[in-house]
Amino acid sequence: MRIVTLAGSPRFPSRSSALLEYVREKLSAVNVEVCHWHLQNFAPEDLLYARVDSPALLALNEQLAGAEGLIVATPVYKAAYSGALKTLLDLLPERALEGKVVLPLATGGTIAHMLAVDYALKPVLSALRAQEILHGVFADDTQVTDYEHRPRFTPGLQSRLDNALDTFWQALHRRDSHVPVFGAPAGVVQV
């Protein structure tokens, strides 16, 4: 199983990338192939000039095509996810997330930004045809107690991340066990 993680912060390290580091460690512990991307993998001019043929973007598209899911993390600035992440998402093919389960993660200075994921990020992920966009995790800055060395979180945030990761794992496995009704031979009823 392959999962792509995408850190949407223009800074590294960052609080939002610390959330991704945590989930990457959890997924790697259960032998999931995790392909990690962050904005620093892309030349700024490739993003600004919409160079859809840049080697980094082509590699990301290839890894997304072979992945079952995506976990994307972003800081929230001015009640929206990062503009650099938006620029990158705009360069992905229209159906880049087709058939994928997506888990959004976000950090922000105050709980007032919590709905930015629902009102700003999720519509873009939906436009990229994500099969299922899960309820994300939002953390305010006080809940990420260390992000520059080894990620550390408040117990409440760590619990919410673990629960979200469990939900993500279940959604990935639901996809594997799904038998299409329309593929059944005539006269066979599937339950």
N, C-alpha and C. Protein backbone atom coordinates (compact mmCIF):
# COMPACT_ATOMS: atom_id res chain seq x y z
N MET A 1 0.85 -1.17 0.00
CA MET A 1 0.00 0.00 0.00
C MET A 1 0.90 1.24 0.00
N ARG A 2 0.52 2.21 -0.80
CA ARG A 2 1.27 3.47 -0.89
C ARG A 2 0.38 4.63 -0.48
N ILE A 3 0.95 5.49 0.36
CA ILE A 3 0.30 6.72 0.79
C ILE A 3 1.24 7.88 0.45
N VAL A 4 0.70 8.96 -0.06
CA VAL A 4 1.47 10.16 -0.31
C VAL A 4 1.14 11.15 0.79
N THR A 5 2.17 11.77 1.36
CA THR A 5 1.95 12.87 2.29
C THR A 5 2.46 14.14 1.64
N LEU A 6 1.76 15.22 1.88
CA LEU A 6 2.09 16.49 1.25
C LEU A 6 2.06 17.59 2.30
N ALA A 7 3.23 18.17 2.57
CA ALA A 7 3.35 19.26 3.53
C ALA A 7 3.18 20.58 2.80
N GLY A 8 2.14 21.31 3.12
CA GLY A 8 1.81 22.54 2.41
C GLY A 8 2.30 23.81 3.06
N SER A 9 3.24 23.71 3.97
CA SER A 9 3.78 24.92 4.59
C SER A 9 4.99 25.42 3.81
N PRO A 10 5.10 26.70 3.61
CA PRO A 10 6.30 27.23 2.96
C PRO A 10 7.52 27.15 3.87
N ARG A 11 7.32 26.89 5.16
CA ARG A 11 8.43 26.76 6.11
C ARG A 11 8.69 25.30 6.42
N PHE A 12 9.94 24.99 6.68
CA PHE A 12 10.28 23.65 7.16
C PHE A 12 11.44 23.78 8.13
N PRO A 13 11.33 23.25 9.33
CA PRO A 13 10.19 22.53 9.87
C PRO A 13 9.05 23.48 10.22
N SER A 14 7.89 22.90 10.41
CA SER A 14 6.72 23.69 10.76
C SER A 14 5.79 22.85 11.62
N ARG A 15 4.82 23.49 12.21
CA ARG A 15 3.85 22.74 13.02
C ARG A 15 3.06 21.75 12.16
N SER A 16 2.64 22.20 10.98
CA SER A 16 1.85 21.29 10.13
C SER A 16 2.70 20.13 9.62
N SER A 17 3.97 20.37 9.32
CA SER A 17 4.82 19.26 8.88
C SER A 17 5.10 18.30 10.03
N ALA A 18 5.06 18.79 11.28
CA ALA A 18 5.21 17.91 12.43
C ALA A 18 4.05 16.92 12.52
N LEU A 19 2.85 17.36 12.18
CA LEU A 19 1.71 16.44 12.16
C LEU A 19 1.95 15.32 11.15
N LEU A 20 2.48 15.69 9.99
CA LEU A 20 2.77 14.68 8.96
C LEU A 20 3.87 13.73 9.40
N GLU A 21 4.87 14.25 10.06
CA GLU A 21 5.96 13.39 10.55
C GLU A 21 5.40 12.33 11.48
N TYR A 22 4.49 12.72 12.34
CA TYR A 22 3.87 11.78 13.27
C TYR A 22 3.11 10.68 12.52
N VAL A 23 2.26 11.07 11.58
CA VAL A 23 1.47 10.04 10.87
C VAL A 23 2.36 9.19 9.97
N ARG A 24 3.42 9.76 9.41
CA ARG A 24 4.36 8.97 8.60
C ARG A 24 5.01 7.88 9.43
N GLU A 25 5.42 8.23 10.65
CA GLU A 25 6.02 7.23 11.54
C GLU A 25 5.03 6.11 11.86
N LYS A 26 3.79 6.49 12.12
CA LYS A 26 2.76 5.48 12.44
C LYS A 26 2.52 4.56 11.25
N LEU A 27 2.42 5.13 10.05
CA LEU A 27 2.17 4.32 8.86
C LEU A 27 3.37 3.44 8.51
N SER A 28 4.55 3.98 8.64
CA SER A 28 5.75 3.19 8.34
C SER A 28 5.88 2.01 9.30
N ALA A 29 5.42 2.17 10.53
CA ALA A 29 5.49 1.09 11.52
C ALA A 29 4.62 -0.10 11.14
N VAL A 30 3.62 0.12 10.28
CA VAL A 30 2.78 -0.99 9.82
C VAL A 30 3.07 -1.32 8.35
N ASN A 31 4.30 -1.02 7.93
CA ASN A 31 4.82 -1.37 6.60
C ASN A 31 4.06 -0.75 5.43
N VAL A 32 3.61 0.48 5.60
CA VAL A 32 3.00 1.22 4.51
C VAL A 32 4.10 2.04 3.84
N GLU A 33 4.13 2.01 2.51
CA GLU A 33 5.08 2.84 1.78
C GLU A 33 4.56 4.27 1.81
N VAL A 34 5.36 5.16 2.36
CA VAL A 34 4.96 6.56 2.47
C VAL A 34 5.89 7.40 1.59
N CYS A 35 5.32 8.07 0.62
CA CYS A 35 6.06 8.98 -0.26
C CYS A 35 5.80 10.39 0.23
N HIS A 36 6.83 11.02 0.76
CA HIS A 36 6.64 12.33 1.38
C HIS A 36 7.06 13.45 0.43
N TRP A 37 6.22 14.45 0.34
CA TRP A 37 6.48 15.64 -0.46
C TRP A 37 6.24 16.87 0.39
N HIS A 38 7.03 17.90 0.14
CA HIS A 38 6.78 19.20 0.76
C HIS A 38 7.07 20.26 -0.30
N LEU A 39 6.63 21.45 -0.04
CA LEU A 39 6.75 22.52 -1.03
C LEU A 39 8.18 22.77 -1.46
N GLN A 40 9.14 22.48 -0.59
CA GLN A 40 10.54 22.70 -0.93
C GLN A 40 11.04 21.74 -2.01
N ASN A 41 10.26 20.70 -2.33
CA ASN A 41 10.63 19.79 -3.42
C ASN A 41 10.43 20.43 -4.80
N PHE A 42 9.73 21.55 -4.83
CA PHE A 42 9.37 22.18 -6.10
C PHE A 42 10.10 23.51 -6.25
N ALA A 43 10.65 23.73 -7.42
CA ALA A 43 11.29 25.02 -7.69
C ALA A 43 10.20 26.10 -7.68
N PRO A 44 10.41 27.19 -6.95
CA PRO A 44 9.38 28.23 -6.87
C PRO A 44 8.93 28.72 -8.25
N GLU A 45 9.87 28.85 -9.18
CA GLU A 45 9.48 29.32 -10.51
C GLU A 45 8.60 28.31 -11.25
N ASP A 46 8.77 27.02 -10.96
CA ASP A 46 7.89 26.02 -11.58
C ASP A 46 6.45 26.20 -11.11
N LEU A 47 6.30 26.52 -9.83
CA LEU A 47 4.96 26.74 -9.29
C LEU A 47 4.38 28.06 -9.80
N LEU A 48 5.18 29.11 -9.75
CA LEU A 48 4.69 30.43 -10.14
C LEU A 48 4.36 30.53 -11.62
N TYR A 49 5.14 29.84 -12.46
CA TYR A 49 4.91 29.90 -13.90
C TYR A 49 4.12 28.70 -14.41
N ALA A 50 3.52 27.95 -13.50
CA ALA A 50 2.64 26.82 -13.85
C ALA A 50 3.29 25.85 -14.83
N ARG A 51 4.50 25.45 -14.51
CA ARG A 51 5.22 24.49 -15.35
C ARG A 51 4.78 23.07 -15.01
N VAL A 52 3.73 22.62 -15.67
CA VAL A 52 3.17 21.31 -15.39
C VAL A 52 4.09 20.17 -15.83
N ASP A 53 5.12 20.49 -16.60
CA ASP A 53 6.06 19.47 -17.04
C ASP A 53 7.34 19.45 -16.20
N SER A 54 7.34 20.13 -15.05
CA SER A 54 8.53 20.11 -14.21
C SER A 54 8.76 18.69 -13.69
N PRO A 55 10.02 18.27 -13.59
CA PRO A 55 10.31 16.90 -13.14
C PRO A 55 9.69 16.56 -11.78
N ALA A 56 9.73 17.50 -10.84
CA ALA A 56 9.15 17.23 -9.52
C ALA A 56 7.65 17.02 -9.61
N LEU A 57 6.96 17.83 -10.37
CA LEU A 57 5.52 17.70 -10.50
C LEU A 57 5.15 16.40 -11.21
N LEU A 58 5.90 16.02 -12.22
CA LEU A 58 5.66 14.76 -12.91
C LEU A 58 5.86 13.58 -11.96
N ALA A 59 6.89 13.65 -11.12
CA ALA A 59 7.13 12.58 -10.16
C ALA A 59 6.01 12.50 -9.13
N LEU A 60 5.53 13.66 -8.64
CA LEU A 60 4.41 13.66 -7.69
C LEU A 60 3.18 13.05 -8.34
N ASN A 61 2.87 13.44 -9.57
CA ASN A 61 1.71 12.89 -10.26
C ASN A 61 1.81 11.37 -10.40
N GLU A 62 3.00 10.88 -10.71
CA GLU A 62 3.19 9.43 -10.85
C GLU A 62 2.97 8.72 -9.52
N GLN A 63 3.50 9.28 -8.44
CA GLN A 63 3.31 8.65 -7.14
C GLN A 63 1.86 8.72 -6.70
N LEU A 64 1.18 9.83 -6.96
CA LEU A 64 -0.24 9.92 -6.63
C LEU A 64 -1.06 8.90 -7.41
N ALA A 65 -0.71 8.68 -8.67
CA ALA A 65 -1.45 7.73 -9.49
C ALA A 65 -1.39 6.32 -8.91
N GLY A 66 -0.26 5.98 -8.28
CA GLY A 66 -0.11 4.65 -7.72
C GLY A 66 -0.43 4.55 -6.24
N ALA A 67 -0.94 5.62 -5.66
CA ALA A 67 -1.23 5.64 -4.22
C ALA A 67 -2.70 5.37 -3.95
N GLU A 68 -2.94 4.84 -2.77
CA GLU A 68 -4.32 4.63 -2.33
C GLU A 68 -4.87 5.83 -1.58
N GLY A 69 -3.98 6.62 -1.01
CA GLY A 69 -4.45 7.74 -0.22
C GLY A 69 -3.46 8.89 -0.17
N LEU A 70 -3.96 10.01 0.32
CA LEU A 70 -3.16 11.23 0.47
C LEU A 70 -3.46 11.82 1.84
N ILE A 71 -2.40 12.23 2.52
CA ILE A 71 -2.55 12.99 3.75
C ILE A 71 -1.88 14.33 3.48
N VAL A 72 -2.65 15.39 3.58
CA VAL A 72 -2.14 16.73 3.28
C VAL A 72 -2.22 17.58 4.54
N ALA A 73 -1.14 18.30 4.83
CA ALA A 73 -1.11 19.17 6.01
C ALA A 73 -0.77 20.59 5.58
N THR A 74 -1.42 21.54 6.21
CA THR A 74 -1.20 22.94 5.85
C THR A 74 -1.35 23.84 7.06
N PRO A 75 -0.61 24.93 7.07
CA PRO A 75 -0.93 25.97 8.05
C PRO A 75 -2.13 26.76 7.53
N VAL A 76 -2.83 27.41 8.42
CA VAL A 76 -3.94 28.28 8.03
C VAL A 76 -3.48 29.71 8.21
N TYR A 77 -3.55 30.46 7.11
CA TYR A 77 -3.20 31.88 7.11
C TYR A 77 -4.43 32.65 6.65
N LYS A 78 -4.82 33.67 7.38
CA LYS A 78 -5.93 34.53 6.97
C LYS A 78 -7.18 33.71 6.61
N ALA A 79 -7.49 32.71 7.43
CA ALA A 79 -8.69 31.88 7.29
C ALA A 79 -8.69 30.98 6.06
N ALA A 80 -7.53 30.69 5.51
CA ALA A 80 -7.44 29.77 4.36
C ALA A 80 -6.13 29.00 4.44
N TYR A 81 -6.06 27.90 3.70
CA TYR A 81 -4.83 27.13 3.68
C TYR A 81 -3.76 27.88 2.90
N SER A 82 -2.53 27.40 2.92
CA SER A 82 -1.42 28.16 2.36
C SER A 82 -1.57 28.39 0.86
N GLY A 83 -1.23 29.58 0.43
CA GLY A 83 -1.30 29.94 -0.99
C GLY A 83 -0.35 29.11 -1.83
N ALA A 84 0.80 28.78 -1.28
CA ALA A 84 1.76 27.95 -2.03
C ALA A 84 1.18 26.55 -2.27
N LEU A 85 0.45 26.02 -1.29
CA LEU A 85 -0.21 24.73 -1.48
C LEU A 85 -1.28 24.84 -2.56
N LYS A 86 -2.04 25.93 -2.54
CA LYS A 86 -3.07 26.14 -3.57
C LYS A 86 -2.43 26.16 -4.95
N THR A 87 -1.30 26.83 -5.08
CA THR A 87 -0.61 26.89 -6.37
C THR A 87 -0.24 25.49 -6.84
N LEU A 88 0.29 24.67 -5.93
CA LEU A 88 0.65 23.30 -6.28
C LEU A 88 -0.58 22.48 -6.66
N LEU A 89 -1.63 22.56 -5.87
CA LEU A 89 -2.84 21.79 -6.16
C LEU A 89 -3.44 22.19 -7.50
N ASP A 90 -3.33 23.47 -7.86
CA ASP A 90 -3.84 23.94 -9.15
C ASP A 90 -3.11 23.30 -10.33
N LEU A 91 -1.90 22.83 -10.12
CA LEU A 91 -1.12 22.24 -11.21
C LEU A 91 -1.35 20.74 -11.38
N LEU A 92 -2.05 20.13 -10.44
CA LEU A 92 -2.33 18.70 -10.56
C LEU A 92 -3.40 18.46 -11.62
N PRO A 93 -3.36 17.29 -12.26
CA PRO A 93 -4.41 16.98 -13.24
C PRO A 93 -5.79 16.98 -12.58
N GLU A 94 -6.82 17.20 -13.39
CA GLU A 94 -8.18 17.33 -12.88
C GLU A 94 -8.61 16.14 -12.03
N ARG A 95 -8.20 14.95 -12.37
CA ARG A 95 -8.61 13.75 -11.64
C ARG A 95 -7.47 13.14 -10.83
N ALA A 96 -6.58 13.97 -10.35
CA ALA A 96 -5.38 13.50 -9.65
C ALA A 96 -5.69 12.69 -8.40
N LEU A 97 -6.82 12.96 -7.77
CA LEU A 97 -7.16 12.26 -6.53
C LEU A 97 -8.30 11.26 -6.72
N GLU A 98 -8.62 10.95 -7.94
CA GLU A 98 -9.70 10.01 -8.21
C GLU A 98 -9.41 8.66 -7.56
N GLY A 99 -10.39 8.17 -6.81
CA GLY A 99 -10.25 6.89 -6.13
C GLY A 99 -9.41 6.93 -4.87
N LYS A 100 -9.01 8.10 -4.43
CA LYS A 100 -8.13 8.23 -3.26
C LYS A 100 -8.93 8.62 -2.02
N VAL A 101 -8.44 8.15 -0.89
CA VAL A 101 -8.93 8.59 0.41
C VAL A 101 -7.99 9.70 0.86
N VAL A 102 -8.55 10.81 1.32
CA VAL A 102 -7.74 11.97 1.69
C VAL A 102 -8.02 12.35 3.14
N LEU A 103 -6.93 12.55 3.88
CA LEU A 103 -7.02 13.03 5.26
C LEU A 103 -6.35 14.40 5.34
N PRO A 104 -7.13 15.47 5.56
CA PRO A 104 -6.54 16.80 5.70
C PRO A 104 -6.16 17.10 7.16
N LEU A 105 -5.01 17.74 7.33
CA LEU A 105 -4.53 18.18 8.63
C LEU A 105 -4.20 19.66 8.53
N ALA A 106 -4.42 20.40 9.60
CA ALA A 106 -4.13 21.83 9.55
C ALA A 106 -3.72 22.35 10.92
N THR A 107 -2.93 23.40 10.89
CA THR A 107 -2.54 24.10 12.11
C THR A 107 -2.82 25.59 11.93
N GLY A 108 -3.06 26.25 13.05
CA GLY A 108 -3.30 27.69 12.99
C GLY A 108 -3.11 28.32 14.34
N GLY A 109 -3.00 29.61 14.35
CA GLY A 109 -2.73 30.35 15.58
C GLY A 109 -3.87 30.32 16.58
N THR A 110 -5.08 30.10 16.10
CA THR A 110 -6.24 30.12 16.99
C THR A 110 -7.30 29.15 16.49
N ILE A 111 -8.11 28.70 17.39
CA ILE A 111 -9.20 27.76 17.07
C ILE A 111 -10.20 28.40 16.11
N ALA A 112 -10.18 29.72 16.01
CA ALA A 112 -11.10 30.42 15.09
C ALA A 112 -10.88 30.01 13.64
N HIS A 113 -9.71 29.45 13.33
CA HIS A 113 -9.41 29.03 11.96
C HIS A 113 -9.79 27.58 11.68
N MET A 114 -10.42 26.93 12.62
CA MET A 114 -10.72 25.50 12.50
C MET A 114 -11.51 25.15 11.25
N LEU A 115 -12.43 25.97 10.85
CA LEU A 115 -13.29 25.65 9.71
C LEU A 115 -12.64 25.91 8.36
N ALA A 116 -11.43 26.42 8.34
CA ALA A 116 -10.73 26.68 7.07
C ALA A 116 -10.57 25.40 6.26
N VAL A 117 -10.37 24.29 6.93
CA VAL A 117 -10.24 23.02 6.21
C VAL A 117 -11.53 22.70 5.48
N ASP A 118 -12.66 22.82 6.16
CA ASP A 118 -13.95 22.49 5.56
C ASP A 118 -14.35 23.45 4.45
N TYR A 119 -14.10 24.74 4.66
CA TYR A 119 -14.60 25.73 3.71
C TYR A 119 -13.60 26.14 2.63
N ALA A 120 -12.32 25.86 2.83
CA ALA A 120 -11.33 26.26 1.83
C ALA A 120 -10.64 25.06 1.18
N LEU A 121 -10.11 24.14 1.98
CA LEU A 121 -9.31 23.04 1.43
C LEU A 121 -10.16 21.91 0.85
N LYS A 122 -11.17 21.49 1.56
CA LYS A 122 -11.97 20.35 1.10
C LYS A 122 -12.61 20.56 -0.28
N PRO A 123 -13.10 21.75 -0.61
CA PRO A 123 -13.66 21.93 -1.97
C PRO A 123 -12.62 21.71 -3.08
N VAL A 124 -11.39 22.10 -2.84
CA VAL A 124 -10.34 21.89 -3.85
C VAL A 124 -10.02 20.39 -3.97
N LEU A 125 -9.94 19.71 -2.84
CA LEU A 125 -9.69 18.26 -2.87
C LEU A 125 -10.83 17.54 -3.57
N SER A 126 -12.03 18.00 -3.36
CA SER A 126 -13.19 17.43 -4.04
C SER A 126 -13.13 17.68 -5.55
N ALA A 127 -12.70 18.87 -5.94
CA ALA A 127 -12.57 19.19 -7.37
C ALA A 127 -11.53 18.31 -8.06
N LEU A 128 -10.58 17.81 -7.28
CA LEU A 128 -9.57 16.89 -7.82
C LEU A 128 -10.08 15.45 -7.79
N ARG A 129 -11.36 15.28 -7.49
CA ARG A 129 -12.08 14.01 -7.54
C ARG A 129 -11.70 13.00 -6.48
N ALA A 130 -11.31 13.46 -5.30
CA ALA A 130 -11.02 12.53 -4.20
C ALA A 130 -12.25 11.68 -3.96
N GLN A 131 -12.04 10.40 -3.76
CA GLN A 131 -13.16 9.49 -3.52
C GLN A 131 -13.81 9.76 -2.17
N GLU A 132 -12.96 9.99 -1.16
CA GLU A 132 -13.47 10.21 0.19
C GLU A 132 -12.53 11.18 0.90
N ILE A 133 -13.09 12.27 1.38
CA ILE A 133 -12.31 13.24 2.15
C ILE A 133 -12.78 13.13 3.59
N LEU A 134 -11.90 12.69 4.44
CA LEU A 134 -12.25 12.44 5.83
C LEU A 134 -12.31 13.73 6.64
N HIS A 135 -12.95 13.62 7.78
CA HIS A 135 -12.95 14.73 8.73
C HIS A 135 -11.51 14.94 9.16
N GLY A 136 -11.01 16.13 9.00
CA GLY A 136 -9.61 16.40 9.28
C GLY A 136 -9.33 16.68 10.74
N VAL A 137 -8.07 16.98 10.99
CA VAL A 137 -7.63 17.36 12.34
C VAL A 137 -7.06 18.77 12.26
N PHE A 138 -7.57 19.64 13.13
CA PHE A 138 -7.03 20.99 13.25
C PHE A 138 -6.36 21.12 14.61
N ALA A 139 -5.17 21.70 14.62
CA ALA A 139 -4.45 21.93 15.87
C ALA A 139 -4.09 23.39 15.96
N ASP A 140 -4.41 24.01 17.09
CA ASP A 140 -3.91 25.37 17.26
C ASP A 140 -2.46 25.29 17.74
N ASP A 141 -1.76 26.39 17.61
CA ASP A 141 -0.31 26.40 17.85
C ASP A 141 0.09 25.91 19.24
N THR A 142 -0.77 26.07 20.23
CA THR A 142 -0.42 25.64 21.58
C THR A 142 -0.43 24.12 21.73
N GLN A 143 -1.06 23.42 20.79
CA GLN A 143 -1.16 21.95 20.89
C GLN A 143 0.05 21.23 20.30
N VAL A 144 0.86 21.95 19.52
CA VAL A 144 2.10 21.39 18.98
C VAL A 144 3.22 21.95 19.85
N THR A 145 3.69 21.16 20.81
CA THR A 145 4.61 21.67 21.82
C THR A 145 6.06 21.69 21.34
N ASP A 146 6.40 20.90 20.34
CA ASP A 146 7.74 20.95 19.74
C ASP A 146 7.60 20.47 18.31
N TYR A 147 8.16 21.23 17.39
CA TYR A 147 8.11 20.81 15.99
C TYR A 147 9.48 20.92 15.32
N GLU A 148 10.43 21.49 15.98
CA GLU A 148 11.73 21.67 15.37
C GLU A 148 12.64 20.46 15.54
N HIS A 149 12.39 19.64 16.53
CA HIS A 149 13.24 18.47 16.76
C HIS A 149 12.43 17.20 16.53
N ARG A 150 11.89 16.67 17.57
CA ARG A 150 11.00 15.51 17.47
C ARG A 150 9.59 16.00 17.77
N PRO A 151 8.65 15.79 16.85
CA PRO A 151 7.30 16.31 17.07
C PRO A 151 6.70 15.86 18.40
N ARG A 152 6.17 16.83 19.14
CA ARG A 152 5.48 16.56 20.40
C ARG A 152 4.19 17.35 20.43
N PHE A 153 3.17 16.67 20.94
CA PHE A 153 1.83 17.26 20.94
C PHE A 153 1.20 17.12 22.32
N THR A 154 0.17 17.90 22.55
CA THR A 154 -0.61 17.71 23.77
C THR A 154 -1.30 16.35 23.67
N PRO A 155 -1.63 15.75 24.80
CA PRO A 155 -2.30 14.44 24.75
C PRO A 155 -3.60 14.46 23.94
N GLY A 156 -4.36 15.54 24.05
CA GLY A 156 -5.62 15.62 23.30
C GLY A 156 -5.39 15.61 21.80
N LEU A 157 -4.40 16.34 21.33
CA LEU A 157 -4.10 16.36 19.90
C LEU A 157 -3.58 15.00 19.45
N GLN A 158 -2.71 14.41 20.22
CA GLN A 158 -2.19 13.09 19.84
C GLN A 158 -3.32 12.08 19.73
N SER A 159 -4.27 12.13 20.64
CA SER A 159 -5.42 11.23 20.59
C SER A 159 -6.26 11.48 19.33
N ARG A 160 -6.48 12.76 18.99
CA ARG A 160 -7.25 13.07 17.78
C ARG A 160 -6.52 12.62 16.52
N LEU A 161 -5.20 12.76 16.49
CA LEU A 161 -4.42 12.28 15.35
C LEU A 161 -4.51 10.76 15.22
N ASP A 162 -4.40 10.07 16.36
CA ASP A 162 -4.51 8.60 16.33
C ASP A 162 -5.88 8.16 15.83
N ASN A 163 -6.94 8.82 16.31
CA ASN A 163 -8.29 8.48 15.87
C ASN A 163 -8.47 8.75 14.38
N ALA A 164 -7.95 9.88 13.90
CA ALA A 164 -8.06 10.21 12.48
C ALA A 164 -7.29 9.20 11.64
N LEU A 165 -6.14 8.79 12.11
CA LEU A 165 -5.35 7.80 11.39
C LEU A 165 -6.05 6.45 11.36
N ASP A 166 -6.70 6.08 12.45
CA ASP A 166 -7.50 4.84 12.46
C ASP A 166 -8.63 4.92 11.44
N THR A 167 -9.30 6.06 11.38
CA THR A 167 -10.38 6.25 10.42
C THR A 167 -9.85 6.18 8.99
N PHE A 168 -8.70 6.79 8.75
CA PHE A 168 -8.04 6.76 7.44
C PHE A 168 -7.73 5.31 7.06
N TRP A 169 -7.17 4.56 7.99
CA TRP A 169 -6.81 3.16 7.75
C TRP A 169 -8.06 2.34 7.41
N GLN A 170 -9.13 2.56 8.16
CA GLN A 170 -10.38 1.83 7.90
C GLN A 170 -10.95 2.20 6.52
N ALA A 171 -10.88 3.47 6.16
CA ALA A 171 -11.39 3.90 4.85
C ALA A 171 -10.58 3.28 3.72
N LEU A 172 -9.29 3.18 3.89
CA LEU A 172 -8.45 2.54 2.87
C LEU A 172 -8.82 1.07 2.70
N HIS A 173 -9.08 0.40 3.79
CA HIS A 173 -9.43 -1.02 3.72
C HIS A 173 -10.87 -1.26 3.27
N ARG A 174 -11.75 -0.31 3.51
CA ARG A 174 -13.11 -0.41 2.97
C ARG A 174 -13.07 -0.44 1.46
N ARG A 175 -12.20 0.36 0.89
CA ARG A 175 -12.06 0.41 -0.57
C ARG A 175 -11.64 -0.94 -1.12
N ASP A 176 -10.72 -1.60 -0.42
CA ASP A 176 -10.20 -2.89 -0.89
C ASP A 176 -11.26 -3.98 -0.87
N SER A 177 -12.17 -3.93 0.10
CA SER A 177 -13.16 -4.99 0.24
C SER A 177 -14.45 -4.70 -0.50
N HIS A 178 -14.55 -3.56 -1.14
CA HIS A 178 -15.78 -3.18 -1.84
C HIS A 178 -15.96 -4.02 -3.11
N VAL A 179 -17.11 -4.63 -3.24
CA VAL A 179 -17.44 -5.38 -4.45
C VAL A 179 -18.48 -4.57 -5.21
N PRO A 180 -18.18 -4.16 -6.45
CA PRO A 180 -19.12 -3.32 -7.18
C PRO A 180 -20.41 -4.06 -7.52
N VAL A 181 -21.52 -3.44 -7.23
CA VAL A 181 -22.83 -4.02 -7.52
C VAL A 181 -23.02 -4.15 -9.03
N PHE A 182 -22.58 -3.16 -9.78
CA PHE A 182 -22.81 -3.16 -11.21
C PHE A 182 -21.96 -4.18 -11.95
N GLY A 183 -20.97 -4.75 -11.29
CA GLY A 183 -20.13 -5.76 -11.92
C GLY A 183 -20.67 -7.18 -11.73
N ALA A 184 -21.80 -7.30 -11.02
CA ALA A 184 -22.35 -8.63 -10.75
C ALA A 184 -23.03 -9.22 -11.99
N PRO A 185 -22.90 -10.52 -12.18
CA PRO A 185 -23.62 -11.14 -13.29
C PRO A 185 -25.12 -10.98 -13.13
N ALA A 186 -25.83 -11.00 -14.24
CA ALA A 186 -27.28 -10.82 -14.23
C ALA A 186 -27.94 -11.85 -13.31
N GLY A 187 -28.88 -11.41 -12.51
CA GLY A 187 -29.61 -12.31 -11.63
C GLY A 187 -28.94 -12.55 -10.29
N VAL A 188 -27.74 -12.03 -10.08
CA VAL A 188 -27.05 -12.22 -8.82
C VAL A 188 -27.25 -10.96 -7.97
N VAL A 189 -27.74 -11.16 -6.78
CA VAL A 189 -27.95 -10.05 -5.87
C VAL A 189 -26.78 -10.01 -4.89
N GLN A 190 -26.15 -8.85 -4.79
CA GLN A 190 -25.06 -8.71 -3.84
C GLN A 190 -25.53 -7.91 -2.65
N VAL A 191 -25.08 -8.32 -1.48
CA VAL A 191 -25.46 -7.65 -0.26
C VAL A 191 -24.25 -6.99 0.35
